[in-house]
Amino acid sequence: MLLVNPRVAVPTKDVFAALKDRSGAEMTLPRGHFRDTADLLRFLETTRNDLEAPGRAIQPVIGEVLTAIAALPGALLTRMSGSGATCLASSRR
């Protein structure tokens, strides 16, 4: 897991004020447990962080960080964490 914080302010109240699409609100978590990390990653690939779009609009550097970490060898999943601005990338290594 790699965490990158671009050291910019992303006020939580501003991110929520800019939130327009809440498609993750109705997300259903699977019952039981994940067999392995690959199983967990497959599930996470079907989800998203609804706060990422407003976070990127407020601080475009978030998109730049996500693009850069997605291009790293072995990166399988990239996301903005929470309401921003920390971004993460995971790998199987």
N, C-alpha and C. Protein backbone atom coordinates (compact mmCIF):
# COMPACT_ATOMS: atom_id res chain seq x y z
N MET A 1 0.85 -1.17 0.00
CA MET A 1 0.00 0.00 0.00
C MET A 1 0.90 1.23 0.00
N LEU A 2 0.60 2.16 -0.86
CA LEU A 2 1.31 3.42 -0.94
C LEU A 2 0.32 4.54 -0.66
N LEU A 3 0.67 5.44 0.25
CA LEU A 3 -0.14 6.62 0.54
C LEU A 3 0.65 7.85 0.11
N VAL A 4 -0.02 8.75 -0.61
CA VAL A 4 0.60 9.99 -1.05
C VAL A 4 -0.31 11.15 -0.68
N ASN A 5 0.24 12.11 0.04
CA ASN A 5 -0.52 13.30 0.39
C ASN A 5 0.14 14.49 -0.29
N PRO A 6 -0.57 15.17 -1.21
CA PRO A 6 0.03 16.28 -1.94
C PRO A 6 0.16 17.56 -1.11
N ARG A 7 -0.20 17.49 0.16
CA ARG A 7 -0.05 18.61 1.09
C ARG A 7 -0.82 19.85 0.64
N VAL A 8 -2.08 19.61 0.26
CA VAL A 8 -2.99 20.70 -0.07
C VAL A 8 -4.23 20.56 0.81
N ALA A 9 -4.84 21.67 1.11
CA ALA A 9 -6.06 21.65 1.92
C ALA A 9 -7.27 21.31 1.07
N VAL A 10 -8.07 20.40 1.60
CA VAL A 10 -9.35 20.05 0.97
C VAL A 10 -10.38 20.04 2.11
N PRO A 11 -10.97 21.19 2.39
CA PRO A 11 -11.92 21.24 3.50
C PRO A 11 -13.10 20.29 3.30
N THR A 12 -13.32 19.45 4.29
CA THR A 12 -14.38 18.45 4.20
C THR A 12 -15.73 19.09 3.89
N LYS A 13 -16.03 20.22 4.50
CA LYS A 13 -17.33 20.87 4.25
C LYS A 13 -17.46 21.28 2.78
N ASP A 14 -16.35 21.70 2.16
CA ASP A 14 -16.38 22.10 0.75
C ASP A 14 -16.58 20.89 -0.16
N VAL A 15 -15.94 19.77 0.18
CA VAL A 15 -16.09 18.55 -0.62
C VAL A 15 -17.54 18.07 -0.57
N PHE A 16 -18.12 18.03 0.61
CA PHE A 16 -19.51 17.58 0.71
C PHE A 16 -20.48 18.58 0.06
N ALA A 17 -20.18 19.87 0.13
CA ALA A 17 -21.03 20.87 -0.52
C ALA A 17 -21.02 20.71 -2.04
N ALA A 18 -19.90 20.24 -2.58
CA ALA A 18 -19.76 20.07 -4.03
C ALA A 18 -20.22 18.69 -4.51
N LEU A 19 -20.56 17.79 -3.59
CA LEU A 19 -20.96 16.42 -3.94
C LEU A 19 -22.28 16.43 -4.70
N LYS A 20 -22.27 15.86 -5.90
CA LYS A 20 -23.47 15.79 -6.72
C LYS A 20 -23.93 14.35 -6.96
N ASP A 21 -23.01 13.43 -7.06
CA ASP A 21 -23.34 12.04 -7.38
C ASP A 21 -23.02 11.16 -6.18
N ARG A 22 -24.05 10.54 -5.62
CA ARG A 22 -23.86 9.67 -4.46
C ARG A 22 -24.18 8.22 -4.82
N SER A 23 -23.55 7.72 -5.87
CA SER A 23 -23.85 6.36 -6.33
C SER A 23 -23.37 5.30 -5.35
N GLY A 24 -22.42 5.61 -4.50
CA GLY A 24 -21.93 4.64 -3.54
C GLY A 24 -22.81 4.50 -2.31
N ALA A 25 -23.80 5.36 -2.17
CA ALA A 25 -24.65 5.35 -0.98
C ALA A 25 -25.44 4.05 -0.84
N GLU A 26 -25.77 3.43 -1.95
CA GLU A 26 -26.56 2.20 -1.92
C GLU A 26 -25.72 0.95 -2.06
N MET A 27 -24.41 1.09 -1.93
CA MET A 27 -23.50 -0.05 -2.10
C MET A 27 -23.79 -1.12 -1.05
N THR A 28 -23.81 -2.36 -1.50
CA THR A 28 -24.03 -3.49 -0.61
C THR A 28 -22.72 -4.23 -0.42
N LEU A 29 -22.33 -4.39 0.82
CA LEU A 29 -21.11 -5.15 1.11
C LEU A 29 -21.41 -6.64 0.99
N PRO A 30 -20.46 -7.40 0.49
CA PRO A 30 -20.68 -8.84 0.37
C PRO A 30 -20.77 -9.49 1.74
N ARG A 31 -21.53 -10.56 1.81
CA ARG A 31 -21.62 -11.32 3.06
C ARG A 31 -20.42 -12.25 3.18
N GLY A 32 -20.06 -12.58 4.38
CA GLY A 32 -18.95 -13.50 4.58
C GLY A 32 -17.63 -12.76 4.58
N HIS A 33 -16.62 -13.39 4.04
CA HIS A 33 -15.28 -12.80 4.04
C HIS A 33 -14.65 -12.93 2.66
N PHE A 34 -13.57 -12.21 2.46
CA PHE A 34 -12.84 -12.29 1.20
C PHE A 34 -11.86 -13.44 1.29
N ARG A 35 -11.76 -14.23 0.23
CA ARG A 35 -10.87 -15.39 0.24
C ARG A 35 -9.41 -14.99 0.32
N ASP A 36 -9.07 -13.90 -0.37
CA ASP A 36 -7.68 -13.45 -0.41
C ASP A 36 -7.66 -11.99 -0.85
N THR A 37 -6.48 -11.43 -0.96
CA THR A 37 -6.33 -10.03 -1.36
C THR A 37 -6.91 -9.80 -2.75
N ALA A 38 -6.70 -10.73 -3.65
CA ALA A 38 -7.22 -10.58 -5.02
C ALA A 38 -8.75 -10.49 -5.00
N ASP A 39 -9.38 -11.27 -4.14
CA ASP A 39 -10.83 -11.25 -4.01
C ASP A 39 -11.30 -9.88 -3.49
N LEU A 40 -10.60 -9.35 -2.51
CA LEU A 40 -10.92 -8.03 -1.98
C LEU A 40 -10.74 -6.96 -3.06
N LEU A 41 -9.65 -7.02 -3.81
CA LEU A 41 -9.40 -6.03 -4.86
C LEU A 41 -10.46 -6.10 -5.96
N ARG A 42 -10.90 -7.30 -6.30
CA ARG A 42 -11.97 -7.44 -7.31
C ARG A 42 -13.23 -6.72 -6.83
N PHE A 43 -13.56 -6.88 -5.56
CA PHE A 43 -14.73 -6.19 -5.02
C PHE A 43 -14.51 -4.68 -5.06
N LEU A 44 -13.36 -4.21 -4.60
CA LEU A 44 -13.10 -2.77 -4.55
C LEU A 44 -13.12 -2.13 -5.93
N GLU A 45 -12.76 -2.88 -6.97
CA GLU A 45 -12.81 -2.35 -8.33
C GLU A 45 -14.24 -2.05 -8.77
N THR A 46 -15.22 -2.61 -8.12
CA THR A 46 -16.63 -2.36 -8.46
C THR A 46 -17.18 -1.17 -7.69
N THR A 47 -16.37 -0.56 -6.84
CA THR A 47 -16.82 0.55 -6.00
C THR A 47 -16.07 1.82 -6.39
N ARG A 48 -16.44 2.91 -5.74
CA ARG A 48 -15.73 4.16 -5.95
C ARG A 48 -15.94 5.07 -4.75
N ASN A 49 -15.12 6.09 -4.67
CA ASN A 49 -15.26 7.10 -3.63
C ASN A 49 -16.00 8.28 -4.26
N ASP A 50 -17.25 8.47 -3.89
CA ASP A 50 -18.05 9.55 -4.46
C ASP A 50 -17.45 10.94 -4.20
N LEU A 51 -16.61 11.06 -3.18
CA LEU A 51 -16.02 12.35 -2.85
C LEU A 51 -14.80 12.69 -3.72
N GLU A 52 -14.35 11.72 -4.52
CA GLU A 52 -13.17 11.96 -5.35
C GLU A 52 -13.40 13.05 -6.40
N ALA A 53 -14.53 13.02 -7.08
CA ALA A 53 -14.80 14.03 -8.12
C ALA A 53 -14.81 15.45 -7.54
N PRO A 54 -15.55 15.70 -6.45
CA PRO A 54 -15.48 17.06 -5.90
C PRO A 54 -14.09 17.38 -5.34
N GLY A 55 -13.40 16.40 -4.78
CA GLY A 55 -12.05 16.64 -4.29
C GLY A 55 -11.12 17.06 -5.41
N ARG A 56 -11.22 16.38 -6.55
CA ARG A 56 -10.40 16.74 -7.73
C ARG A 56 -10.75 18.14 -8.24
N ALA A 57 -12.03 18.49 -8.20
CA ALA A 57 -12.44 19.82 -8.67
C ALA A 57 -11.87 20.92 -7.77
N ILE A 58 -11.85 20.65 -6.48
CA ILE A 58 -11.33 21.65 -5.53
C ILE A 58 -9.81 21.72 -5.61
N GLN A 59 -9.15 20.58 -5.72
CA GLN A 59 -7.69 20.52 -5.78
C GLN A 59 -7.29 19.59 -6.93
N PRO A 60 -7.13 20.10 -8.15
CA PRO A 60 -6.79 19.27 -9.30
C PRO A 60 -5.53 18.43 -9.13
N VAL A 61 -4.65 18.80 -8.22
CA VAL A 61 -3.45 18.01 -7.99
C VAL A 61 -3.80 16.59 -7.54
N ILE A 62 -4.96 16.40 -6.97
CA ILE A 62 -5.39 15.05 -6.58
C ILE A 62 -5.45 14.15 -7.81
N GLY A 63 -6.00 14.64 -8.89
CA GLY A 63 -6.03 13.88 -10.14
C GLY A 63 -4.64 13.58 -10.66
N GLU A 64 -3.74 14.55 -10.53
CA GLU A 64 -2.36 14.34 -10.97
C GLU A 64 -1.69 13.25 -10.14
N VAL A 65 -1.91 13.26 -8.84
CA VAL A 65 -1.34 12.23 -7.97
C VAL A 65 -1.91 10.86 -8.33
N LEU A 66 -3.21 10.77 -8.51
CA LEU A 66 -3.84 9.49 -8.85
C LEU A 66 -3.31 8.95 -10.19
N THR A 67 -3.14 9.82 -11.16
CA THR A 67 -2.59 9.40 -12.45
C THR A 67 -1.17 8.88 -12.28
N ALA A 68 -0.37 9.60 -11.50
CA ALA A 68 1.03 9.21 -11.30
C ALA A 68 1.14 7.87 -10.57
N ILE A 69 0.36 7.67 -9.52
CA ILE A 69 0.50 6.42 -8.78
C ILE A 69 -0.13 5.24 -9.52
N ALA A 70 -1.13 5.51 -10.37
CA ALA A 70 -1.71 4.44 -11.18
C ALA A 70 -0.70 3.92 -12.21
N ALA A 71 0.25 4.77 -12.60
CA ALA A 71 1.25 4.39 -13.59
C ALA A 71 2.43 3.63 -12.98
N LEU A 72 2.47 3.52 -11.67
CA LEU A 72 3.57 2.79 -11.02
C LEU A 72 3.48 1.30 -11.31
N PRO A 73 4.61 0.64 -11.51
CA PRO A 73 4.59 -0.82 -11.75
C PRO A 73 3.92 -1.54 -10.59
N GLY A 74 2.99 -2.40 -10.89
CA GLY A 74 2.32 -3.20 -9.88
C GLY A 74 1.11 -2.56 -9.24
N ALA A 75 0.81 -1.31 -9.57
CA ALA A 75 -0.36 -0.66 -8.98
C ALA A 75 -1.63 -1.31 -9.51
N LEU A 76 -2.47 -1.76 -8.60
CA LEU A 76 -3.71 -2.44 -9.00
C LEU A 76 -4.95 -1.60 -8.78
N LEU A 77 -4.93 -0.78 -7.74
CA LEU A 77 -6.11 0.00 -7.39
C LEU A 77 -5.63 1.34 -6.84
N THR A 78 -6.21 2.43 -7.34
CA THR A 78 -5.87 3.75 -6.83
C THR A 78 -7.15 4.46 -6.44
N ARG A 79 -7.08 5.23 -5.37
CA ARG A 79 -8.24 5.97 -4.89
C ARG A 79 -7.78 7.19 -4.11
N MET A 80 -8.69 8.14 -3.99
CA MET A 80 -8.52 9.18 -3.00
C MET A 80 -9.09 8.61 -1.71
N SER A 81 -8.43 8.85 -0.62
CA SER A 81 -8.87 8.33 0.66
C SER A 81 -9.82 9.33 1.33
N GLY A 82 -10.99 8.86 1.71
CA GLY A 82 -11.94 9.72 2.42
C GLY A 82 -12.33 10.94 1.61
N SER A 83 -12.29 12.12 2.26
CA SER A 83 -12.68 13.35 1.57
C SER A 83 -11.47 14.10 1.03
N GLY A 84 -10.29 13.48 1.05
CA GLY A 84 -9.10 14.05 0.42
C GLY A 84 -8.16 14.68 1.43
N ALA A 85 -6.99 14.93 1.01
CA ALA A 85 -6.38 14.83 -0.29
C ALA A 85 -5.44 13.63 -0.40
N THR A 86 -5.33 12.83 0.66
CA THR A 86 -4.46 11.66 0.59
C THR A 86 -4.98 10.67 -0.43
N CYS A 87 -4.06 10.14 -1.24
CA CYS A 87 -4.40 9.17 -2.28
C CYS A 87 -3.66 7.87 -1.96
N LEU A 88 -4.20 6.76 -2.43
CA LEU A 88 -3.58 5.47 -2.16
C LEU A 88 -3.49 4.63 -3.40
N ALA A 89 -2.51 3.75 -3.40
CA ALA A 89 -2.37 2.74 -4.45
C ALA A 89 -2.05 1.43 -3.74
N SER A 90 -2.64 0.37 -4.22
CA SER A 90 -2.34 -0.95 -3.65
C SER A 90 -1.78 -1.85 -4.73
N SER A 91 -1.04 -2.83 -4.29
CA SER A 91 -0.47 -3.81 -5.22
C SER A 91 -0.46 -5.17 -4.52
N ARG A 92 -0.16 -6.20 -5.27
CA ARG A 92 -0.10 -7.55 -4.69
C ARG A 92 1.29 -7.85 -4.17
N ARG A 93 2.24 -6.99 -4.41
CA ARG A 93 3.62 -7.25 -3.99
C ARG A 93 3.77 -7.14 -2.50
